[in-house]
């Protein structure tokens, strides 16, 4: 599996995975003012390498699996929040999580959906 993240000037983030057959499947996305709040922290802390950039401002990065799962958790959680301070706190807390905790929250999200993301935001803010 290959994991990629695209960033646009709008601002917008999209995290997706590409399987062995070349099929892309979106894992998470976020648009709007919330992207500007988390962009700087993400660029500093997430392990990614630039794959491609276009003249229209789209940048595509390759991620490892752990970083892709962290990004998906961040984007899903930030989409629910409206308070800027809580967005900053939850982003930094997810970035600090170790590998097992990240995978645990993501597997809980796959089982329980938005309820798990709500529990994550309540637990860490």
PDB file of N, CA and C in Angstrom:
ATOM      1  N   UNK A   1       0.833  -1.186   0.000  1.00  0.00           N
ATOM      2  CA  UNK A   1       0.000   0.000   0.000  1.00  0.00           C
ATOM      3  C   UNK A   1       0.874   1.245   0.000  1.00  0.00           C
ATOM      4  N   UNK A   2       0.413   2.220  -0.708  1.00  0.00           N
ATOM      5  CA  UNK A   2       1.074   3.517  -0.749  1.00  0.00           C
ATOM      6  C   UNK A   2       0.097   4.535  -0.171  1.00  0.00           C
ATOM      7  N   UNK A   3       0.588   5.388   0.719  1.00  0.00           N
ATOM      8  CA  UNK A   3      -0.242   6.422   1.326  1.00  0.00           C
ATOM      9  C   UNK A   3       0.252   7.775   0.849  1.00  0.00           C
ATOM     10  N   UNK A   4      -0.689   8.616   0.432  1.00  0.00           N
ATOM     11  CA  UNK A   4      -0.336   9.949  -0.036  1.00  0.00           C
ATOM     12  C   UNK A   4      -1.257  10.983   0.571  1.00  0.00           C
ATOM     13  N   UNK A   5      -0.736  12.204   0.644  1.00  0.00           N
ATOM     14  CA  UNK A   5      -1.503  13.333   1.138  1.00  0.00           C
ATOM     15  C   UNK A   5      -1.342  14.478   0.150  1.00  0.00           C
ATOM     16  N   UNK A   6      -2.443  15.107  -0.202  1.00  0.00           N
ATOM     17  CA  UNK A   6      -2.375  16.261  -1.091  1.00  0.00           C
ATOM     18  C   UNK A   6      -2.785  17.509  -0.325  1.00  0.00           C
ATOM     19  N   UNK A   7      -2.089  18.592  -0.604  1.00  0.00           N
ATOM     20  CA  UNK A   7      -2.388  19.898  -0.027  1.00  0.00           C
ATOM     21  C   UNK A   7      -2.583  20.878  -1.169  1.00  0.00           C
ATOM     22  N   UNK A   8      -3.625  21.677  -1.068  1.00  0.00           N
ATOM     23  CA  UNK A   8      -3.891  22.686  -2.079  1.00  0.00           C
ATOM     24  C   UNK A   8      -3.844  24.065  -1.445  1.00  0.00           C
ATOM     25  N   UNK A   9      -3.904  25.084  -2.283  1.00  0.00           N
ATOM     26  CA  UNK A   9      -3.880  26.458  -1.790  1.00  0.00           C
ATOM     27  C   UNK A   9      -5.210  26.899  -1.211  1.00  0.00           C
ATOM     28  N   UNK A  10      -6.271  26.163  -1.422  1.00  0.00           N
ATOM     29  CA  UNK A  10      -7.625  26.594  -1.044  1.00  0.00           C
ATOM     30  C   UNK A  10      -7.810  27.037   0.391  1.00  0.00           C
ATOM     31  N   UNK A  11      -7.448  26.476   1.397  1.00  0.00           N
ATOM     32  CA  UNK A  11      -6.623  25.307   1.703  1.00  0.00           C
ATOM     33  C   UNK A  11      -7.467  24.034   1.833  1.00  0.00           C
ATOM     34  N   UNK A  12      -6.842  22.914   1.503  1.00  0.00           N
ATOM     35  CA  UNK A  12      -7.500  21.615   1.625  1.00  0.00           C
ATOM     36  C   UNK A  12      -6.441  20.531   1.818  1.00  0.00           C
ATOM     37  N   UNK A  13      -6.790  19.536   2.611  1.00  0.00           N
ATOM     38  CA  UNK A  13      -5.959  18.350   2.810  1.00  0.00           C
ATOM     39  C   UNK A  13      -6.766  17.138   2.399  1.00  0.00           C
ATOM     40  N   UNK A  14      -6.117  16.183   1.776  1.00  0.00           N
ATOM     41  CA  UNK A  14      -6.730  14.893   1.477  1.00  0.00           C
ATOM     42  C   UNK A  14      -5.690  13.807   1.715  1.00  0.00           C
ATOM     43  N   UNK A  15      -6.085  12.783   2.457  1.00  0.00           N
ATOM     44  CA  UNK A  15      -5.228  11.629   2.696  1.00  0.00           C
ATOM     45  C   UNK A  15      -5.891  10.442   2.020  1.00  0.00           C
ATOM     46  N   UNK A  16      -5.132   9.719   1.225  1.00  0.00           N
ATOM     47  CA  UNK A  16      -5.688   8.563   0.537  1.00  0.00           C
ATOM     48  C   UNK A  16      -4.651   7.473   0.415  1.00  0.00           C
ATOM     49  N   UNK A  17      -5.153   6.263   0.172  1.00  0.00           N
ATOM     50  CA  UNK A  17      -4.250   5.141  -0.020  1.00  0.00           C
ATOM     51  C   UNK A  17      -4.434   4.602  -1.425  1.00  0.00           C
ATOM     52  N   UNK A  18      -3.358   4.075  -1.951  1.00  0.00           N
ATOM     53  CA  UNK A  18      -3.363   3.501  -3.289  1.00  0.00           C
ATOM     54  C   UNK A  18      -2.999   2.029  -3.145  1.00  0.00           C
ATOM     55  N   UNK A  19      -3.869   1.162  -3.644  1.00  0.00           N
ATOM     56  CA  UNK A  19      -3.596  -0.271  -3.514  1.00  0.00           C
ATOM     57  C   UNK A  19      -2.690  -0.741  -4.651  1.00  0.00           C
ATOM     58  N   UNK A  20      -2.451  -2.032  -4.702  1.00  0.00           N
ATOM     59  CA  UNK A  20      -1.527  -2.597  -5.684  1.00  0.00           C
ATOM     60  C   UNK A  20      -2.020  -2.453  -7.121  1.00  0.00           C
ATOM     61  N   UNK A  21      -3.318  -2.249  -7.302  1.00  0.00           N
ATOM     62  CA  UNK A  21      -3.891  -2.117  -8.635  1.00  0.00           C
ATOM     63  C   UNK A  21      -3.983  -0.677  -9.106  1.00  0.00           C
ATOM     64  N   UNK A  22      -3.564   0.258  -8.270  1.00  0.00           N
ATOM     65  CA  UNK A  22      -3.582   1.664  -8.627  1.00  0.00           C
ATOM     66  C   UNK A  22      -4.866   2.383  -8.273  1.00  0.00           C
ATOM     67  N   UNK A  23      -5.745   1.735  -7.545  1.00  0.00           N
ATOM     68  CA  UNK A  23      -7.009   2.344  -7.146  1.00  0.00           C
ATOM     69  C   UNK A  23      -6.801   3.229  -5.930  1.00  0.00           C
ATOM     70  N   UNK A  24      -7.249   4.484  -6.029  1.00  0.00           N
ATOM     71  CA  UNK A  24      -7.136   5.425  -4.915  1.00  0.00           C
ATOM     72  C   UNK A  24      -8.397   5.369  -4.080  1.00  0.00           C
ATOM     73  N   UNK A  25      -8.220   5.399  -2.767  1.00  0.00           N
ATOM     74  CA  UNK A  25      -9.349   5.408  -1.841  1.00  0.00           C
ATOM     75  C   UNK A  25      -9.099   6.478  -0.795  1.00  0.00           C
ATOM     76  N   UNK A  26      -9.997   7.438  -0.710  1.00  0.00           N
ATOM     77  CA  UNK A  26      -9.844   8.547   0.231  1.00  0.00           C
ATOM     78  C   UNK A  26     -10.071   8.044   1.648  1.00  0.00           C
ATOM     79  N   UNK A  27      -9.157   8.403   2.541  1.00  0.00           N
ATOM     80  CA  UNK A  27      -9.279   8.050   3.950  1.00  0.00           C
ATOM     81  C   UNK A  27      -9.894   9.206   4.719  1.00  0.00           C
ATOM     82  N   UNK A  28      -9.412  10.425   4.481  1.00  0.00           N
ATOM     83  CA  UNK A  28      -9.915  11.597   5.193  1.00  0.00           C
ATOM     84  C   UNK A  28      -9.632  12.851   4.373  1.00  0.00           C
ATOM     85  N   UNK A  29     -10.432  13.886   4.614  1.00  0.00           N
ATOM     86  CA  UNK A  29     -10.200  15.171   3.955  1.00  0.00           C
ATOM     87  C   UNK A  29     -10.719  16.293   4.847  1.00  0.00           C
ATOM     88  N   UNK A  30     -10.177  17.481   4.608  1.00  0.00           N
ATOM     89  CA  UNK A  30     -10.565  18.664   5.375  1.00  0.00           C
ATOM     90  C   UNK A  30     -10.319  19.887   4.513  1.00  0.00           C
ATOM     91  N   UNK A  31     -11.253  20.821   4.552  1.00  0.00           N
ATOM     92  CA  UNK A  31     -11.092  22.067   3.803  1.00  0.00           C
ATOM     93  C   UNK A  31     -11.419  23.239   4.708  1.00  0.00           C
ATOM     94  N   UNK A  32     -10.967  24.407   4.306  1.00  0.00           N
ATOM     95  CA  UNK A  32     -11.350  25.631   4.992  1.00  0.00           C
ATOM     96  C   UNK A  32     -10.322  26.153   5.975  1.00  0.00           C
ATOM     97  N   UNK A  33     -10.799  27.011   6.877  1.00  0.00           N
ATOM     98  CA  UNK A  33      -9.927  27.741   7.788  1.00  0.00           C
ATOM     99  C   UNK A  33      -9.218  26.823   8.770  1.00  0.00           C
ATOM    100  N   UNK A  34      -9.775  25.653   9.035  1.00  0.00           N
ATOM    101  CA  UNK A  34      -9.147  24.731   9.980  1.00  0.00           C
ATOM    102  C   UNK A  34      -7.817  24.204   9.438  1.00  0.00           C
ATOM    103  N   UNK A  35      -7.710  24.114   8.131  1.00  0.00           N
ATOM    104  CA  UNK A  35      -6.443  23.661   7.517  1.00  0.00           C
ATOM    105  C   UNK A  35      -5.310  24.630   7.802  1.00  0.00           C
ATOM    106  N   UNK A  36      -5.608  25.914   7.789  1.00  0.00           N
ATOM    107  CA  UNK A  36      -4.568  26.905   8.087  1.00  0.00           C
ATOM    108  C   UNK A  36      -4.050  26.785   9.512  1.00  0.00           C
ATOM    109  N   UNK A  37      -4.934  26.396  10.441  1.00  0.00           N
ATOM    110  CA  UNK A  37      -4.514  26.256  11.837  1.00  0.00           C
ATOM    111  C   UNK A  37      -3.552  25.086  12.033  1.00  0.00           C
ATOM    112  N   UNK A  38      -3.777  23.999  11.335  1.00  0.00           N
ATOM    113  CA  UNK A  38      -2.984  22.795  11.577  1.00  0.00           C
ATOM    114  C   UNK A  38      -1.847  22.604  10.584  1.00  0.00           C
ATOM    115  N   UNK A  39      -1.798  23.396   9.536  1.00  0.00           N
ATOM    116  CA  UNK A  39      -0.802  23.202   8.478  1.00  0.00           C
ATOM    117  C   UNK A  39       0.636  23.258   9.001  1.00  0.00           C
ATOM    118  N   UNK A  40       0.956  24.249   9.784  1.00  0.00           N
ATOM    119  CA  UNK A  40       2.333  24.426  10.258  1.00  0.00           C
ATOM    120  C   UNK A  40       2.780  23.265  11.141  1.00  0.00           C
ATOM    121  N   UNK A  41       1.912  22.839  12.065  1.00  0.00           N
ATOM    122  CA  UNK A  41       2.264  21.725  12.947  1.00  0.00           C
ATOM    123  C   UNK A  41       2.451  20.435  12.166  1.00  0.00           C
ATOM    124  N   UNK A  42       1.611  20.231  11.184  1.00  0.00           N
ATOM    125  CA  UNK A  42       1.683  19.000  10.399  1.00  0.00           C
ATOM    126  C   UNK A  42       2.974  18.953   9.585  1.00  0.00           C
ATOM    127  N   UNK A  43       3.314  20.051   8.962  1.00  0.00           N
ATOM    128  CA  UNK A  43       4.520  20.065   8.131  1.00  0.00           C
ATOM    129  C   UNK A  43       5.780  19.827   8.954  1.00  0.00           C
ATOM    130  N   UNK A  44       5.765  20.229  10.218  1.00  0.00           N
ATOM    131  CA  UNK A  44       6.943  20.030  11.068  1.00  0.00           C
ATOM    132  C   UNK A  44       7.042  18.616  11.613  1.00  0.00           C
ATOM    133  N   UNK A  45       5.926  18.007  11.964  1.00  0.00           N
ATOM    134  CA  UNK A  45       5.959  16.778  12.753  1.00  0.00           C
ATOM    135  C   UNK A  45       5.663  15.486  11.991  1.00  0.00           C
ATOM    136  N   UNK A  46       5.002  15.541  10.855  1.00  0.00           N
ATOM    137  CA  UNK A  46       4.632  14.325  10.126  1.00  0.00           C
ATOM    138  C   UNK A  46       5.773  13.935   9.192  1.00  0.00           C
ATOM    139  N   UNK A  47       6.081  12.637   9.185  1.00  0.00           N
ATOM    140  CA  UNK A  47       7.106  12.118   8.290  1.00  0.00           C
ATOM    141  C   UNK A  47       6.526  11.988   6.886  1.00  0.00           C
ATOM    142  N   UNK A  48       6.955  12.868   6.004  1.00  0.00           N
ATOM    143  CA  UNK A  48       6.474  12.822   4.631  1.00  0.00           C
ATOM    144  C   UNK A  48       7.559  13.304   3.698  1.00  0.00           C
ATOM    145  N   UNK A  49       7.419  12.877   2.463  1.00  0.00           N
ATOM    146  CA  UNK A  49       8.387  13.268   1.452  1.00  0.00           C
ATOM    147  C   UNK A  49       7.620  13.698   0.216  1.00  0.00           C
ATOM    148  N   UNK A  50       8.049  14.794  -0.386  1.00  0.00           N
ATOM    149  CA  UNK A  50       7.309  15.336  -1.516  1.00  0.00           C
ATOM    150  C   UNK A  50       7.382  14.392  -2.699  1.00  0.00           C
ATOM    151  N   UNK A  51       6.224  14.083  -3.244  1.00  0.00           N
ATOM    152  CA  UNK A  51       6.115  13.188  -4.386  1.00  0.00           C
ATOM    153  C   UNK A  51       6.004  13.987  -5.674  1.00  0.00           C
ATOM    154  N   UNK A  52       5.166  15.027  -5.644  1.00  0.00           N
ATOM    155  CA  UNK A  52       4.938  15.805  -6.849  1.00  0.00           C
ATOM    156  C   UNK A  52       4.363  17.160  -6.469  1.00  0.00           C
ATOM    157  N   UNK A  53       4.641  18.161  -7.275  1.00  0.00           N
ATOM    158  CA  UNK A  53       3.989  19.454  -7.093  1.00  0.00           C
ATOM    159  C   UNK A  53       3.610  19.990  -8.466  1.00  0.00           C
ATOM    160  N   UNK A  54       2.526  20.729  -8.495  1.00  0.00           N
ATOM    161  CA  UNK A  54       2.026  21.270  -9.758  1.00  0.00           C
ATOM    162  C   UNK A  54       2.083  22.788  -9.718  1.00  0.00           C
ATOM    163  N   UNK A  55       1.948  23.391 -10.879  1.00  0.00           N
ATOM    164  CA  UNK A  55       2.004  24.848 -10.957  1.00  0.00           C
ATOM    165  C   UNK A  55       0.811  25.529 -10.302  1.00  0.00           C
ATOM    166  N   UNK A  56      -0.308  24.813 -10.207  1.00  0.00           N
ATOM    167  CA  UNK A  56      -1.492  25.420  -9.608  1.00  0.00           C
ATOM    168  C   UNK A  56      -1.483  25.365  -8.082  1.00  0.00           C
ATOM    169  N   UNK A  57      -0.394  24.901  -7.472  1.00  0.00           N
ATOM    170  CA  UNK A  57      -0.244  24.937  -6.031  1.00  0.00           C
ATOM    171  C   UNK A  57      -0.510  23.631  -5.315  1.00  0.00           C
ATOM    172  N   UNK A  58      -0.907  22.605  -6.033  1.00  0.00           N
ATOM    173  CA  UNK A  58      -1.156  21.317  -5.394  1.00  0.00           C
ATOM    174  C   UNK A  58       0.177  20.633  -5.125  1.00  0.00           C
ATOM    175  N   UNK A  59       0.338  20.177  -3.905  1.00  0.00           N
ATOM    176  CA  UNK A  59       1.524  19.411  -3.530  1.00  0.00           C
ATOM    177  C   UNK A  59       1.071  18.047  -3.040  1.00  0.00           C
ATOM    178  N   UNK A  60       1.737  17.017  -3.511  1.00  0.00           N
ATOM    179  CA  UNK A  60       1.411  15.657  -3.116  1.00  0.00           C
ATOM    180  C   UNK A  60       2.620  15.075  -2.405  1.00  0.00           C
ATOM    181  N   UNK A  61       2.359  14.513  -1.220  1.00  0.00           N
ATOM    182  CA  UNK A  61       3.402  13.933  -0.390  1.00  0.00           C
ATOM    183  C   UNK A  61       3.150  12.448  -0.198  1.00  0.00           C
ATOM    184  N   UNK A  62       4.220  11.688  -0.084  1.00  0.00           N
ATOM    185  CA  UNK A  62       4.114  10.281   0.280  1.00  0.00           C
ATOM    186  C   UNK A  62       4.312  10.157   1.785  1.00  0.00           C
ATOM    187  N   UNK A  63       3.484   9.327   2.405  1.00  0.00           N
ATOM    188  CA  UNK A  63       3.523   9.128   3.850  1.00  0.00           C
ATOM    189  C   UNK A  63       3.749   7.660   4.160  1.00  0.00           C
ATOM    190  N   UNK A  64       4.326   7.400   5.325  1.00  0.00           N
ATOM    191  CA  UNK A  64       4.337   6.021   5.801  1.00  0.00           C
ATOM    192  C   UNK A  64       2.981   5.739   6.447  1.00  0.00           C
ATOM    193  N   UNK A  65       2.727   4.491   6.783  1.00  0.00           N
ATOM    194  CA  UNK A  65       1.396   4.115   7.269  1.00  0.00           C
ATOM    195  C   UNK A  65       1.031   4.805   8.576  1.00  0.00           C
ATOM    196  N   UNK A  66       1.964   4.867   9.498  1.00  0.00           N
ATOM    197  CA  UNK A  66       1.685   5.501  10.786  1.00  0.00           C
ATOM    198  C   UNK A  66       1.350   6.979  10.619  1.00  0.00           C
ATOM    199  N   UNK A  67       2.089   7.673   9.777  1.00  0.00           N
ATOM    200  CA  UNK A  67       1.819   9.095   9.537  1.00  0.00           C
ATOM    201  C   UNK A  67       0.479   9.299   8.853  1.00  0.00           C
ATOM    202  N   UNK A  68       0.125   8.388   7.945  1.00  0.00           N
ATOM    203  CA  UNK A  68      -1.170   8.492   7.270  1.00  0.00           C
ATOM    204  C   UNK A  68      -2.318   8.303   8.254  1.00  0.00           C
ATOM    205  N   UNK A  69      -2.164   7.368   9.173  1.00  0.00           N
ATOM    206  CA  UNK A  69      -3.210   7.137  10.180  1.00  0.00           C
ATOM    207  C   UNK A  69      -3.305   8.334  11.125  1.00  0.00           C
ATOM    208  N   UNK A  70      -2.169   8.906  11.515  1.00  0.00           N
ATOM    209  CA  UNK A  70      -2.187  10.111  12.347  1.00  0.00           C
ATOM    210  C   UNK A  70      -2.901  11.257  11.629  1.00  0.00           C
ATOM    211  N   UNK A  71      -2.583  11.444  10.365  1.00  0.00           N
ATOM    212  CA  UNK A  71      -3.226  12.504   9.594  1.00  0.00           C
ATOM    213  C   UNK A  71      -4.722  12.274   9.482  1.00  0.00           C
ATOM    214  N   UNK A  72      -5.129  11.030   9.267  1.00  0.00           N
ATOM    215  CA  UNK A  72      -6.554  10.730   9.170  1.00  0.00           C
ATOM    216  C   UNK A  72      -7.261  11.043  10.480  1.00  0.00           C
ATOM    217  N   UNK A  73      -6.651  10.670  11.596  1.00  0.00           N
ATOM    218  CA  UNK A  73      -7.245  10.985  12.902  1.00  0.00           C
ATOM    219  C   UNK A  73      -7.341  12.483  13.122  1.00  0.00           C
ATOM    220  N   UNK A  74      -6.286  13.197  12.764  1.00  0.00           N
ATOM    221  CA  UNK A  74      -6.292  14.651  12.932  1.00  0.00           C
ATOM    222  C   UNK A  74      -7.397  15.278  12.091  1.00  0.00           C
ATOM    223  N   UNK A  75      -7.490  14.903  10.841  1.00  0.00           N
ATOM    224  CA  UNK A  75      -8.483  15.506   9.952  1.00  0.00           C
ATOM    225  C   UNK A  75      -9.903  15.176  10.379  1.00  0.00           C
ATOM    226  N   UNK A  76     -10.133  13.931  10.790  1.00  0.00           N
ATOM    227  CA  UNK A  76     -11.476  13.540  11.236  1.00  0.00           C
ATOM    228  C   UNK A  76     -11.864  14.267  12.519  1.00  0.00           C
ATOM    229  N   UNK A  77     -10.928  14.416  13.443  1.00  0.00           N
ATOM    230  CA  UNK A  77     -11.231  15.060  14.721  1.00  0.00           C
ATOM    231  C   UNK A  77     -11.411  16.561  14.559  1.00  0.00           C
ATOM    232  N   UNK A  78     -10.544  17.185  13.798  1.00  0.00           N
ATOM    233  CA  UNK A  78     -10.610  18.638  13.609  1.00  0.00           C
ATOM    234  C   UNK A  78     -11.890  19.025  12.875  1.00  0.00           C
ATOM    235  N   UNK A  79     -12.389  18.155  12.017  1.00  0.00           N
ATOM    236  CA  UNK A  79     -13.627  18.450  11.290  1.00  0.00           C
ATOM    237  C   UNK A  79     -14.812  18.634  12.235  1.00  0.00           C
ATOM    238  N   UNK A  80     -14.775  17.989  13.406  1.00  0.00           N
ATOM    239  CA  UNK A  80     -15.875  18.096  14.365  1.00  0.00           C
ATOM    240  C   UNK A  80     -15.788  19.330  15.249  1.00  0.00           C
ATOM    241  N   UNK A  81     -14.598  19.872  15.433  1.00  0.00           N
ATOM    242  CA  UNK A  81     -14.394  20.955  16.396  1.00  0.00           C
ATOM    243  C   UNK A  81     -14.585  22.328  15.758  1.00  0.00           C
ATOM    244  N   UNK A  82     -14.950  23.310  16.585  1.00  0.00           N
ATOM    245  CA  UNK A  82     -15.115  24.684  16.118  1.00  0.00           C
ATOM    246  C   UNK A  82     -14.219  25.678  16.861  1.00  0.00           C
ATOM    247  N   UNK A  83     -13.758  25.305  18.021  1.00  0.00           N
ATOM    248  CA  UNK A  83     -12.928  26.178  18.838  1.00  0.00           C
ATOM    249  C   UNK A  83     -11.464  26.063  18.391  1.00  0.00           C
ATOM    250  N   UNK A  84     -10.853  27.196  18.080  1.00  0.00           N
ATOM    251  CA  UNK A  84      -9.473  27.205  17.581  1.00  0.00           C
ATOM    252  C   UNK A  84      -8.496  26.623  18.593  1.00  0.00           C
ATOM    253  N   UNK A  85      -8.684  26.944  19.854  1.00  0.00           N
ATOM    254  CA  UNK A  85      -7.766  26.442  20.881  1.00  0.00           C
ATOM    255  C   UNK A  85      -7.861  24.926  21.009  1.00  0.00           C
ATOM    256  N   UNK A  86      -9.073  24.396  20.956  1.00  0.00           N
ATOM    257  CA  UNK A  86      -9.243  22.944  21.023  1.00  0.00           C
ATOM    258  C   UNK A  86      -8.640  22.253  19.802  1.00  0.00           C
ATOM    259  N   UNK A  87      -8.736  22.882  18.648  1.00  0.00           N
ATOM    260  CA  UNK A  87      -8.148  22.318  17.434  1.00  0.00           C
ATOM    261  C   UNK A  87      -6.634  22.217  17.581  1.00  0.00           C
ATOM    262  N   UNK A  88      -6.014  23.261  18.102  1.00  0.00           N
ATOM    263  CA  UNK A  88      -4.563  23.243  18.302  1.00  0.00           C
ATOM    264  C   UNK A  88      -4.152  22.182  19.318  1.00  0.00           C
ATOM    265  N   UNK A  89      -4.927  22.065  20.397  1.00  0.00           N
ATOM    266  CA  UNK A  89      -4.605  21.094  21.451  1.00  0.00           C
ATOM    267  C   UNK A  89      -4.732  19.669  20.929  1.00  0.00           C
ATOM    268  N   UNK A  90      -5.820  19.352  20.263  1.00  0.00           N
ATOM    269  CA  UNK A  90      -6.038  17.979  19.800  1.00  0.00           C
ATOM    270  C   UNK A  90      -5.029  17.607  18.714  1.00  0.00           C
ATOM    271  N   UNK A  91      -4.646  18.564  17.888  1.00  0.00           N
ATOM    272  CA  UNK A  91      -3.632  18.285  16.863  1.00  0.00           C
ATOM    273  C   UNK A  91      -2.295  17.942  17.506  1.00  0.00           C
ATOM    274  N   UNK A  92      -1.883  18.722  18.479  1.00  0.00           N
ATOM    275  CA  UNK A  92      -0.602  18.444  19.138  1.00  0.00           C
ATOM    276  C   UNK A  92      -0.652  17.139  19.923  1.00  0.00           C
ATOM    277  N   UNK A  93      -1.795  16.819  20.527  1.00  0.00           N
ATOM    278  CA  UNK A  93      -1.913  15.565  21.288  1.00  0.00           C
ATOM    279  C   UNK A  93      -1.858  14.349  20.373  1.00  0.00           C
ATOM    280  N   UNK A  94      -2.502  14.411  19.224  1.00  0.00           N
ATOM    281  CA  UNK A  94      -2.446  13.283  18.293  1.00  0.00           C
ATOM    282  C   UNK A  94      -1.041  13.128  17.734  1.00  0.00           C
ATOM    283  N   UNK A  95      -0.361  14.218  17.483  1.00  0.00           N
ATOM    284  CA  UNK A  95       1.013  14.135  16.982  1.00  0.00           C
ATOM    285  C   UNK A  95       1.961  13.530  18.017  1.00  0.00           C
ATOM    286  N   UNK A  96       1.654  13.678  19.311  1.00  0.00           N
ATOM    287  CA  UNK A  96       2.493  13.120  20.365  1.00  0.00           C
ATOM    288  C   UNK A  96       2.238  11.639  20.614  1.00  0.00           C
ATOM    289  N   UNK A  97       1.106  11.120  20.149  1.00  0.00           N
ATOM    290  CA  UNK A  97       0.743   9.729  20.428  1.00  0.00           C
ATOM    291  C   UNK A  97       1.774   8.759  19.868  1.00  0.00           C
ATOM    292  N   UNK A  98       1.950   7.646  20.583  1.00  0.00           N
ATOM    293  CA  UNK A  98       2.825   6.610  20.050  1.00  0.00           C
ATOM    294  C   UNK A  98       2.045   5.756  19.049  1.00  0.00           C
ATOM    295  N   UNK A  99       2.756   4.871  18.425  1.00  0.00           N
ATOM    296  CA  UNK A  99       2.201   4.086  17.329  1.00  0.00           C
ATOM    297  C   UNK A  99       0.984   3.256  17.740  1.00  0.00           C
ATOM    298  N   UNK A 100       1.069   2.595  18.876  1.00  0.00           N
ATOM    299  CA  UNK A 100       0.002   1.701  19.297  1.00  0.00           C
ATOM    300  C   UNK A 100      -1.272   2.456  19.638  1.00  0.00           C
ATOM    301  N   UNK A 101      -1.121   3.608  20.257  1.00  0.00           N
ATOM    302  CA  UNK A 101      -2.285   4.412  20.602  1.00  0.00           C
ATOM    303  C   UNK A 101      -2.984   4.946  19.351  1.00  0.00           C
ATOM    304  N   UNK A 102      -2.199   5.354  18.366  1.00  0.00           N
ATOM    305  CA  UNK A 102      -2.766   5.846  17.110  1.00  0.00           C
ATOM    306  C   UNK A 102      -3.559   4.747  16.418  1.00  0.00           C
ATOM    307  N   UNK A 103      -2.964   3.566  16.335  1.00  0.00           N
ATOM    308  CA  UNK A 103      -3.662   2.460  15.677  1.00  0.00           C
ATOM    309  C   UNK A 103      -4.899   2.035  16.463  1.00  0.00           C
ATOM    310  N   UNK A 104      -4.838   2.129  17.791  1.00  0.00           N
ATOM    311  CA  UNK A 104      -5.992   1.766  18.591  1.00  0.00           C
ATOM    312  C   UNK A 104      -7.160   2.713  18.326  1.00  0.00           C
ATOM    313  N   UNK A 105      -6.889   4.018  18.317  1.00  0.00           N
ATOM    314  CA  UNK A 105      -7.950   4.986  18.057  1.00  0.00           C
ATOM    315  C   UNK A 105      -8.496   4.824  16.639  1.00  0.00           C
ATOM    316  N   UNK A 106      -7.614   4.543  15.678  1.00  0.00           N
ATOM    317  CA  UNK A 106      -8.087   4.395  14.304  1.00  0.00           C
ATOM    318  C   UNK A 106      -8.923   3.130  14.147  1.00  0.00           C
ATOM    319  N   UNK A 107      -8.543   2.038  14.799  1.00  0.00           N
ATOM    320  CA  UNK A 107      -9.356   0.823  14.722  1.00  0.00           C
ATOM    321  C   UNK A 107     -10.697   1.027  15.419  1.00  0.00           C
ATOM    322  N   UNK A 108     -10.697   1.809  16.500  1.00  0.00           N
ATOM    323  CA  UNK A 108     -11.948   2.146  17.164  1.00  0.00           C
ATOM    324  C   UNK A 108     -12.834   2.981  16.241  1.00  0.00           C
ATOM    325  N   UNK A 109     -12.216   3.887  15.488  1.00  0.00           N
ATOM    326  CA  UNK A 109     -12.975   4.673  14.505  1.00  0.00           C
ATOM    327  C   UNK A 109     -13.574   3.764  13.435  1.00  0.00           C
ATOM    328  N   UNK A 110     -12.817   2.784  12.968  1.00  0.00           N
ATOM    329  CA  UNK A 110     -13.339   1.882  11.946  1.00  0.00           C
ATOM    330  C   UNK A 110     -14.514   1.057  12.463  1.00  0.00           C
ATOM    331  N   UNK A 111     -14.512   0.744  13.758  1.00  0.00           N
ATOM    332  CA  UNK A 111     -15.604  -0.033  14.344  1.00  0.00           C
ATOM    333  C   UNK A 111     -16.798   0.838  14.701  1.00  0.00           C
ATOM    334  N   UNK A 112     -16.556   1.965  15.358  1.00  0.00           N
ATOM    335  CA  UNK A 112     -17.633   2.777  15.934  1.00  0.00           C
ATOM    336  C   UNK A 112     -17.937   4.062  15.165  1.00  0.00           C
ATOM    337  N   UNK A 113     -17.099   4.430  14.224  1.00  0.00           N
ATOM    338  CA  UNK A 113     -17.363   5.610  13.417  1.00  0.00           C
ATOM    339  C   UNK A 113     -17.139   6.912  14.155  1.00  0.00           C
ATOM    340  N   UNK A 114     -18.058   7.833  13.962  1.00  0.00           N
ATOM    341  CA  UNK A 114     -17.911   9.179  14.492  1.00  0.00           C
ATOM    342  C   UNK A 114     -17.942   9.215  16.018  1.00  0.00           C
ATOM    343  N   UNK A 115     -18.530   8.209  16.636  1.00  0.00           N
ATOM    344  CA  UNK A 115     -18.555   8.146  18.100  1.00  0.00           C
ATOM    345  C   UNK A 115     -17.133   8.032  18.668  1.00  0.00           C
ATOM    346  N   UNK A 116     -16.289   7.274  18.001  1.00  0.00           N
ATOM    347  CA  UNK A 116     -14.903   7.127  18.457  1.00  0.00           C
ATOM    348  C   UNK A 116     -14.148   8.451  18.320  1.00  0.00           C
ATOM    349  N   UNK A 117     -14.403   9.177  17.254  1.00  0.00           N
ATOM    350  CA  UNK A 117     -13.745  10.469  17.060  1.00  0.00           C
ATOM    351  C   UNK A 117     -14.225  11.462  18.111  1.00  0.00           C
ATOM    352  N   UNK A 118     -15.496  11.419  18.447  1.00  0.00           N
ATOM    353  CA  UNK A 118     -16.020  12.287  19.508  1.00  0.00           C
ATOM    354  C   UNK A 118     -15.384  11.952  20.843  1.00  0.00           C
ATOM    355  N   UNK A 119     -15.221  10.645  21.113  1.00  0.00           N
ATOM    356  CA  UNK A 119     -14.573  10.225  22.358  1.00  0.00           C
ATOM    357  C   UNK A 119     -13.126  10.677  22.396  1.00  0.00           C
ATOM    358  N   UNK A 120     -12.442  10.617  21.275  1.00  0.00           N
ATOM    359  CA  UNK A 120     -11.048  11.076  21.196  1.00  0.00           C
ATOM    360  C   UNK A 120     -10.962  12.566  21.512  1.00  0.00           C
ATOM    361  N   UNK A 121     -11.850  13.350  20.950  1.00  0.00           N
ATOM    362  CA  UNK A 121     -11.781  14.794  21.194  1.00  0.00           C
ATOM    363  C   UNK A 121     -12.138  15.131  22.638  1.00  0.00           C
ATOM    364  N   UNK A 122     -13.042  14.390  23.243  1.00  0.00           N
ATOM    365  CA  UNK A 122     -13.387  14.619  24.650  1.00  0.00           C
ATOM    366  C   UNK A 122     -12.238  14.193  25.566  1.00  0.00           C
ATOM    367  N   UNK A 123     -11.588  13.098  25.213  1.00  0.00           N
ATOM    368  CA  UNK A 123     -10.522  12.572  26.075  1.00  0.00           C
ATOM    369  C   UNK A 123      -9.284  13.476  26.093  1.00  0.00           C
ATOM    370  N   UNK A 124      -8.991  14.133  25.011  1.00  0.00           N
ATOM    371  CA  UNK A 124      -7.741  14.886  24.916  1.00  0.00           C
ATOM    372  C   UNK A 124      -7.899  16.393  24.958  1.00  0.00           C
ATOM    373  N   UNK A 125      -9.109  16.929  25.062  1.00  0.00           N
ATOM    374  CA  UNK A 125      -9.254  18.383  25.150  1.00  0.00           C
ATOM    375  C   UNK A 125      -9.803  18.792  26.501  1.00  0.00           C
TER     376      UNK A 125
END
